[in-house]
Protein backbone atom coordinates (compact mmCIF):
# COMPACT_ATOMS: atom_id res chain seq x y z
CA MET A 1 26.58 4.18 40.80
CA LYS A 2 27.07 3.83 37.00
CA LYS A 3 25.86 0.63 36.09
CA ILE A 4 26.85 -1.22 32.69
CA GLY A 5 25.76 -4.53 31.26
CA ILE A 6 28.09 -7.09 29.46
CA LEU A 7 27.20 -9.19 26.91
CA GLY A 8 29.52 -11.83 25.74
CA GLY A 9 29.59 -14.21 22.87
CA THR A 10 31.32 -15.35 19.80
CA PHE A 11 28.92 -13.16 17.89
CA ASP A 12 29.85 -14.91 14.46
CA PRO A 13 27.79 -13.24 13.16
CA VAL A 14 25.88 -10.77 15.55
CA HIS A 15 22.20 -10.49 14.99
CA LEU A 16 19.20 -8.83 15.87
CA GLY A 17 18.56 -11.39 18.79
CA HIS A 18 21.79 -10.07 20.18
CA ILE A 19 20.77 -6.41 20.02
CA GLY A 20 17.40 -7.35 21.17
CA LEU A 21 18.57 -8.62 24.20
CA ALA A 22 21.13 -5.74 25.20
CA GLN A 23 18.08 -3.34 24.55
CA ALA A 24 15.89 -5.42 26.72
CA ALA A 25 18.78 -5.22 29.37
CA LEU A 26 19.36 -1.76 29.16
CA HIS A 27 15.87 -0.91 29.69
CA GLU A 28 14.53 -3.61 32.14
CA LEU A 29 17.38 -2.84 34.38
CA MET A 30 17.89 0.97 33.57
CA LEU A 31 21.45 0.67 32.85
CA ASP A 32 23.71 3.25 31.46
CA GLU A 33 25.13 1.41 28.90
CA VAL A 34 25.40 -2.23 27.46
CA LEU A 35 28.65 -3.40 26.02
CA LEU A 36 28.78 -6.29 23.30
CA MET A 37 32.04 -8.43 24.15
CA PRO A 38 33.18 -10.80 21.20
CA ALA A 39 35.38 -13.76 22.86
CA SER A 40 39.11 -14.06 21.14
CA LYS A 41 38.33 -18.36 21.45
CA GLN A 42 35.51 -19.65 23.66
CA PRO A 43 36.88 -22.70 25.59
CA PHE A 44 33.59 -24.63 24.34
CA LYS A 45 34.16 -23.46 20.63
CA LYS A 46 37.77 -24.23 20.56
CA ASN A 47 37.85 -26.89 17.79
CA LYS A 48 35.21 -24.74 15.84
CA HIS A 49 36.03 -22.53 13.29
CA VAL A 50 35.36 -19.13 13.83
CA GLU A 51 35.47 -15.93 11.69
CA ASP A 52 38.48 -13.92 12.09
CA ALA A 53 37.87 -11.66 15.18
CA SER A 54 38.70 -8.41 13.35
CA LYS A 55 35.71 -9.17 11.22
CA ARG A 56 33.32 -9.84 14.04
CA LEU A 57 34.35 -6.85 15.63
CA ARG A 58 33.57 -4.94 12.72
CA MET A 59 30.37 -6.30 12.52
CA ILE A 60 29.40 -5.50 15.92
CA GLU A 61 30.52 -1.84 15.44
CA LEU A 62 28.20 -1.60 12.41
CA ALA A 63 25.31 -3.34 14.55
CA THR A 64 25.24 -0.98 17.01
CA MET A 65 26.38 2.11 15.21
CA ASN A 66 22.74 3.46 15.65
CA CYS A 67 21.97 2.21 19.00
CA GLU A 68 22.14 4.68 21.82
CA HIS A 69 23.95 3.62 24.71
CA ILE A 70 24.78 0.13 23.23
CA GLY A 71 28.73 -0.38 22.41
CA VAL A 72 31.31 -2.95 22.03
CA THR A 73 34.45 -3.84 23.87
CA ASP A 74 37.71 -5.69 22.75
CA ILE A 75 38.80 -6.73 26.01
CA GLU A 76 38.52 -10.54 25.24
CA LEU A 77 40.35 -9.89 22.07
CA GLN A 78 43.49 -8.02 23.72
CA ASN A 79 43.88 -11.70 24.66
CA GLU A 80 45.03 -14.44 22.17
CA GLY A 81 44.34 -17.43 24.47
CA LEU A 82 40.79 -18.73 25.47
CA SER A 83 38.59 -16.11 27.21
CA TYR A 84 37.33 -17.32 30.72
CA THR A 85 34.47 -14.91 32.04
CA TYR A 86 36.12 -14.83 35.44
CA ASP A 87 39.12 -13.58 34.50
CA THR A 88 37.79 -10.98 32.05
CA MET A 89 35.22 -9.76 34.84
CA LEU A 90 38.20 -9.19 37.14
CA LYS A 91 39.61 -6.69 34.53
CA LEU A 92 36.63 -5.05 33.69
CA MET A 93 35.96 -4.14 37.26
CA LYS A 94 39.28 -2.87 37.38
CA LEU A 95 38.57 -0.61 34.12
CA TYR A 96 34.95 0.11 35.47
CA PRO A 97 35.80 1.17 39.22
CA ASN A 98 32.57 1.90 41.41
CA THR A 99 30.45 0.49 38.81
CA GLU A 100 27.60 -2.04 39.12
CA ILE A 101 28.47 -4.82 36.26
CA HIS A 102 25.63 -7.01 34.85
CA PHE A 103 26.95 -10.08 33.05
CA ILE A 104 24.00 -10.64 30.62
CA LEU A 105 23.55 -14.49 29.49
CA GLY A 106 20.98 -16.92 28.33
CA SER A 107 18.89 -19.21 30.39
CA ASP A 108 21.19 -22.08 28.83
CA SER A 109 24.03 -20.55 30.18
CA LEU A 110 22.60 -19.78 33.56
CA LEU A 111 21.73 -23.59 34.12
CA ARG A 112 25.45 -24.49 33.07
CA ILE A 113 27.15 -21.40 35.14
CA GLU A 114 28.30 -23.10 37.99
CA SER A 115 30.49 -25.78 35.84
CA TRP A 116 32.39 -23.01 33.97
CA TYR A 117 35.74 -22.00 34.89
CA LYS A 118 35.72 -20.43 38.43
CA GLY A 119 31.89 -20.43 37.73
CA LYS A 120 31.29 -20.19 41.72
CA GLU A 121 33.64 -17.48 42.06
CA LEU A 122 32.23 -15.55 39.10
CA LEU A 123 28.50 -15.99 40.66
CA LYS A 124 29.93 -14.29 43.94
CA LEU A 125 31.41 -11.16 41.69
CA CYS A 126 28.68 -9.73 39.86
CA SER A 127 24.83 -9.27 38.76
CA PHE A 128 23.57 -11.45 36.33
CA ALA A 129 20.56 -10.47 33.61
CA VAL A 130 19.14 -13.57 31.94
CA GLY A 131 17.43 -13.47 28.55
CA LEU A 132 14.47 -16.12 28.16
CA ARG A 133 13.61 -17.54 25.11
CA PRO A 134 10.12 -18.49 23.84
CA GLY A 135 9.15 -22.03 25.58
CA ASP A 136 11.30 -21.40 28.32
CA ASP A 137 9.99 -22.59 31.70
CA ARG A 138 10.02 -19.24 33.49
CA ALA A 139 9.30 -20.91 36.84
CA MET A 140 11.74 -23.40 36.58
CA LEU A 141 14.64 -20.95 35.73
CA ARG A 142 13.32 -18.65 38.70
CA ASN A 143 13.84 -21.38 41.16
CA GLU A 144 17.22 -22.08 39.55
CA ALA A 145 17.80 -18.18 40.12
CA ASP A 146 16.64 -18.14 43.73
CA ARG A 147 18.77 -21.30 44.26
CA LEU A 148 21.88 -19.62 42.69
CA THR A 149 21.19 -16.51 44.90
CA SER A 150 20.81 -18.32 47.84
CA ILE A 151 24.09 -19.91 47.60
CA TYR A 152 26.07 -17.22 46.42
CA GLY A 153 24.65 -14.13 47.31
CA CYS A 154 24.15 -12.90 43.65
CA LYS A 155 21.71 -10.85 41.93
CA ILE A 156 19.95 -12.50 38.98
CA THR A 157 17.25 -10.69 37.17
CA LEU A 158 15.02 -12.57 34.65
CA LEU A 159 14.32 -10.07 31.83
CA VAL A 160 10.74 -9.74 30.84
CA ASP A 161 11.47 -9.24 27.08
CA LEU A 162 11.85 -12.62 25.34
CA MET A 163 14.82 -13.15 23.27
CA LYS A 164 14.11 -13.16 19.56
CA PRO A 165 14.53 -17.04 18.02
CA ILE A 166 17.44 -16.32 16.04
CA SER A 167 20.88 -18.17 16.06
CA SER A 168 23.94 -17.44 14.38
CA THR A 169 24.42 -21.02 13.06
CA SER A 170 20.96 -20.54 10.76
CA ILE A 171 22.50 -17.22 9.56
CA ARG A 172 25.66 -18.55 8.75
CA ASN A 173 23.71 -21.75 6.72
CA HIS A 174 21.49 -19.27 5.28
CA VAL A 175 24.34 -17.59 3.59
CA HIS A 176 26.04 -20.85 2.49
CA TYR A 177 22.82 -21.73 0.77
CA LYS A 178 22.34 -18.21 -0.75
CA GLU A 179 19.11 -17.73 1.32
CA SER A 180 17.95 -14.21 2.65
CA ILE A 181 19.17 -13.38 6.12
CA SER A 182 17.25 -10.19 5.74
CA GLY A 183 15.20 -9.48 9.22
CA LEU A 184 17.78 -11.48 11.09
CA VAL A 185 20.57 -8.93 10.68
CA SER A 186 20.84 -5.30 10.44
CA GLU A 187 21.25 -3.96 6.91
CA GLU A 188 24.88 -3.02 7.66
CA VAL A 189 25.72 -6.29 8.92
CA GLU A 190 24.06 -7.89 6.03
CA GLU A 191 25.69 -5.81 3.17
CA TYR A 192 29.45 -6.16 5.08
CA ILE A 193 28.71 -10.19 5.26
CA TYR A 194 28.09 -10.06 1.50
CA GLU A 195 31.07 -7.54 0.92
CA GLN A 196 33.45 -9.77 2.37
CA GLY A 197 32.35 -13.02 1.55
CA LEU A 198 31.64 -14.10 4.47
CA TYR A 199 29.87 -17.71 5.14
CA THR A 200 29.88 -18.83 1.56
């Protein structure tokens, strides 16, 4: 059976932490492919300014162009309303029949997932891969993953490779204050940000 990973987010902008997380899931779970999935509008960011979807999508295309088995899906951008993971996963399961889908998320999201829109149904729907950050309490997160697995029957894998401590917010601030973002995003994304005058 084919195995794919889905890494969702705003990606405003996509950075090397996102790519590192996708690569960790790809190799540790032996996936055939990981797709980065930019959100149209996220429920918890609906009152915040987010860069135009086409530009966020283009940055992901640039960031992944030299990454084997890592690509992008625009499935959530086809919907102009709010993006709910449960609804999207149902669509993806129809697009990828006979495929084991792993939803990739950060440790903070794992702790909140039951409170998401149809979060409990989502936990019964697919498998999960959790990216840990430096300083995360691995024992606590393992206990939480085991608790969710016992209740919902889901498969949750804690990735060994730690997420790089990079945030899109800090990158936007660096650009705004004319500070270097070298080493935070790929060279192609860095060039695109400056070409388009983003985050100034």
